């Protein structure tokens, strides 16, 4: 896990996001939830790019070393590069599973996509997006 601080600057309902230790990295979100997601995604993408280029990660400032403007929020953003690297590979994997016959029959009757449902449930259990 890698952690960098992000500055969230509110502009109406939107948030602009910058990283003091990564001055070339910016993103934004239409609301706080979206901005948090975008910040994590941008940070992971940038750090993976640095890894691919064999560039060292810049050191992380301590929270009390970062200056904020009025209204800004300082939020730590954590990047799990192992998971981010795995997400880059979008290759689909075939799995064989066993479920009760009655569940299969009811799910097929409802037109449920087994692969999509299993993927959604696994992401929820693994707490990944």
Protein backbone atom coordinates (compact mmCIF):
# COMPACT_ATOMS: atom_id res chain seq x y z
CA UNK A 1 0.00 0.00 0.00
CA UNK A 2 1.15 3.51 -0.84
CA UNK A 3 -0.34 6.66 0.67
CA UNK A 4 -0.25 10.23 -0.62
CA UNK A 5 -2.17 13.25 0.61
CA UNK A 6 -4.61 14.95 -1.72
CA UNK A 7 -6.03 18.45 -1.48
CA UNK A 8 -9.73 18.61 -2.23
CA UNK A 9 -10.76 22.09 -3.28
CA UNK A 10 -14.56 22.53 -3.35
CA UNK A 11 -16.10 24.56 -6.16
CA UNK A 12 -19.83 24.35 -5.68
CA UNK A 13 -20.83 20.70 -5.64
CA UNK A 14 -17.62 19.74 -7.51
CA UNK A 15 -14.17 19.08 -6.07
CA UNK A 16 -10.83 19.69 -7.74
CA UNK A 17 -8.14 17.34 -6.47
CA UNK A 18 -4.38 17.87 -6.44
CA UNK A 19 -1.51 16.01 -4.84
CA UNK A 20 1.15 18.24 -3.20
CA UNK A 21 3.85 15.58 -3.61
CA UNK A 22 2.85 14.85 -7.21
CA UNK A 23 2.46 18.35 -8.70
CA UNK A 24 1.64 17.09 -12.20
CA UNK A 25 -1.30 14.99 -11.00
CA UNK A 26 -4.77 16.56 -10.99
CA UNK A 27 -8.30 15.23 -11.18
CA UNK A 28 -11.81 16.27 -10.17
CA UNK A 29 -15.19 14.87 -9.27
CA UNK A 30 -18.78 16.02 -9.55
CA UNK A 31 -19.22 15.45 -5.77
CA UNK A 32 -17.14 14.19 -2.85
CA UNK A 33 -17.82 10.51 -3.55
CA UNK A 34 -16.87 10.89 -7.19
CA UNK A 35 -13.80 12.96 -6.32
CA UNK A 36 -12.57 10.30 -3.87
CA UNK A 37 -12.96 7.62 -6.52
CA UNK A 38 -11.24 9.77 -9.16
CA UNK A 39 -8.37 10.60 -6.77
CA UNK A 40 -7.70 6.94 -6.02
CA UNK A 41 -7.93 6.01 -9.68
CA UNK A 42 -5.62 8.85 -10.76
CA UNK A 43 -3.09 8.07 -8.02
CA UNK A 44 -2.99 4.36 -8.86
CA UNK A 45 -2.67 5.06 -12.58
CA UNK A 46 0.14 7.56 -12.04
CA UNK A 47 2.08 5.30 -9.68
CA UNK A 48 1.73 2.34 -12.05
CA UNK A 49 3.09 4.54 -14.83
CA UNK A 50 6.07 5.49 -12.64
CA UNK A 51 6.68 1.79 -11.96
CA UNK A 52 6.52 1.01 -15.69
CA UNK A 53 9.04 3.78 -16.37
CA UNK A 54 11.30 2.51 -13.55
CA UNK A 55 10.98 5.90 -11.86
CA UNK A 56 11.12 6.17 -8.08
CA UNK A 57 8.05 7.29 -6.17
CA UNK A 58 8.40 10.80 -4.74
CA UNK A 59 8.56 10.91 -0.95
CA UNK A 60 5.31 11.56 0.90
CA UNK A 61 5.04 14.73 2.97
CA UNK A 62 3.83 14.63 6.53
CA UNK A 63 0.30 15.98 6.89
CA UNK A 64 1.45 18.93 9.01
CA UNK A 65 3.94 20.00 6.31
CA UNK A 66 1.20 20.68 3.74
CA UNK A 67 -0.30 24.17 3.44
CA UNK A 68 -3.97 24.51 2.67
CA UNK A 69 -6.04 27.39 1.40
CA UNK A 70 -9.24 28.31 3.19
CA UNK A 71 -11.93 25.72 2.52
CA UNK A 72 -9.54 23.05 1.24
CA UNK A 73 -9.59 19.55 2.69
CA UNK A 74 -6.51 17.38 3.13
CA UNK A 75 -7.39 13.72 2.60
CA UNK A 76 -5.04 10.71 2.57
CA UNK A 77 -5.50 8.54 -0.52
CA UNK A 78 -4.29 4.96 -0.33
CA UNK A 79 -3.25 3.03 -3.44
CA UNK A 80 -3.03 -0.74 -3.54
CA UNK A 81 -0.75 -1.20 -6.52
CA UNK A 82 -1.02 -4.98 -6.47
CA UNK A 83 -4.80 -4.80 -7.01
CA UNK A 84 -4.45 -1.88 -9.45
CA UNK A 85 -1.97 -3.88 -11.55
CA UNK A 86 -4.32 -6.87 -11.58
CA UNK A 87 -7.21 -4.62 -12.68
CA UNK A 88 -5.16 -3.52 -15.70
CA UNK A 89 -5.45 -7.04 -17.07
CA UNK A 90 -9.08 -7.19 -18.18
CA UNK A 91 -8.76 -10.72 -19.56
CA UNK A 92 -11.80 -12.79 -18.64
CA UNK A 93 -11.24 -16.13 -16.87
CA UNK A 94 -13.66 -19.05 -17.22
CA UNK A 95 -14.68 -20.61 -13.89
CA UNK A 96 -16.75 -23.71 -13.24
CA UNK A 97 -19.03 -23.60 -10.22
CA UNK A 98 -21.67 -25.69 -8.55
CA UNK A 99 -25.02 -24.30 -7.36
CA UNK A 100 -28.27 -25.96 -6.31
CA UNK A 101 -30.53 -26.97 -9.20
CA UNK A 102 -33.49 -24.93 -7.96
CA UNK A 103 -31.34 -21.76 -7.73
CA UNK A 104 -30.11 -22.36 -11.27
CA UNK A 105 -33.67 -22.87 -12.58
CA UNK A 106 -35.01 -19.74 -10.87
CA UNK A 107 -32.06 -17.61 -11.96
CA UNK A 108 -32.36 -18.77 -15.57
CA UNK A 109 -36.11 -18.05 -15.49
CA UNK A 110 -35.33 -14.49 -14.34
CA UNK A 111 -32.66 -14.08 -17.03
CA UNK A 112 -29.89 -13.48 -14.49
CA UNK A 113 -26.39 -13.26 -15.94
CA UNK A 114 -24.34 -15.63 -13.78
CA UNK A 115 -20.95 -14.14 -14.67
CA UNK A 116 -22.07 -10.57 -14.01
CA UNK A 117 -23.73 -11.54 -10.72
CA UNK A 118 -20.71 -13.49 -9.48
CA UNK A 119 -18.38 -10.63 -10.44
CA UNK A 120 -20.55 -8.07 -8.59
CA UNK A 121 -20.77 -10.21 -5.45
CA UNK A 122 -17.02 -10.97 -5.43
CA UNK A 123 -16.18 -7.26 -5.84
CA UNK A 124 -18.49 -6.44 -2.93
CA UNK A 125 -16.99 -9.13 -0.70
CA UNK A 126 -13.45 -8.08 -1.64
CA UNK A 127 -14.39 -4.42 -1.19
CA UNK A 128 -13.04 -3.42 -4.60
CA UNK A 129 -14.58 -1.26 -7.26
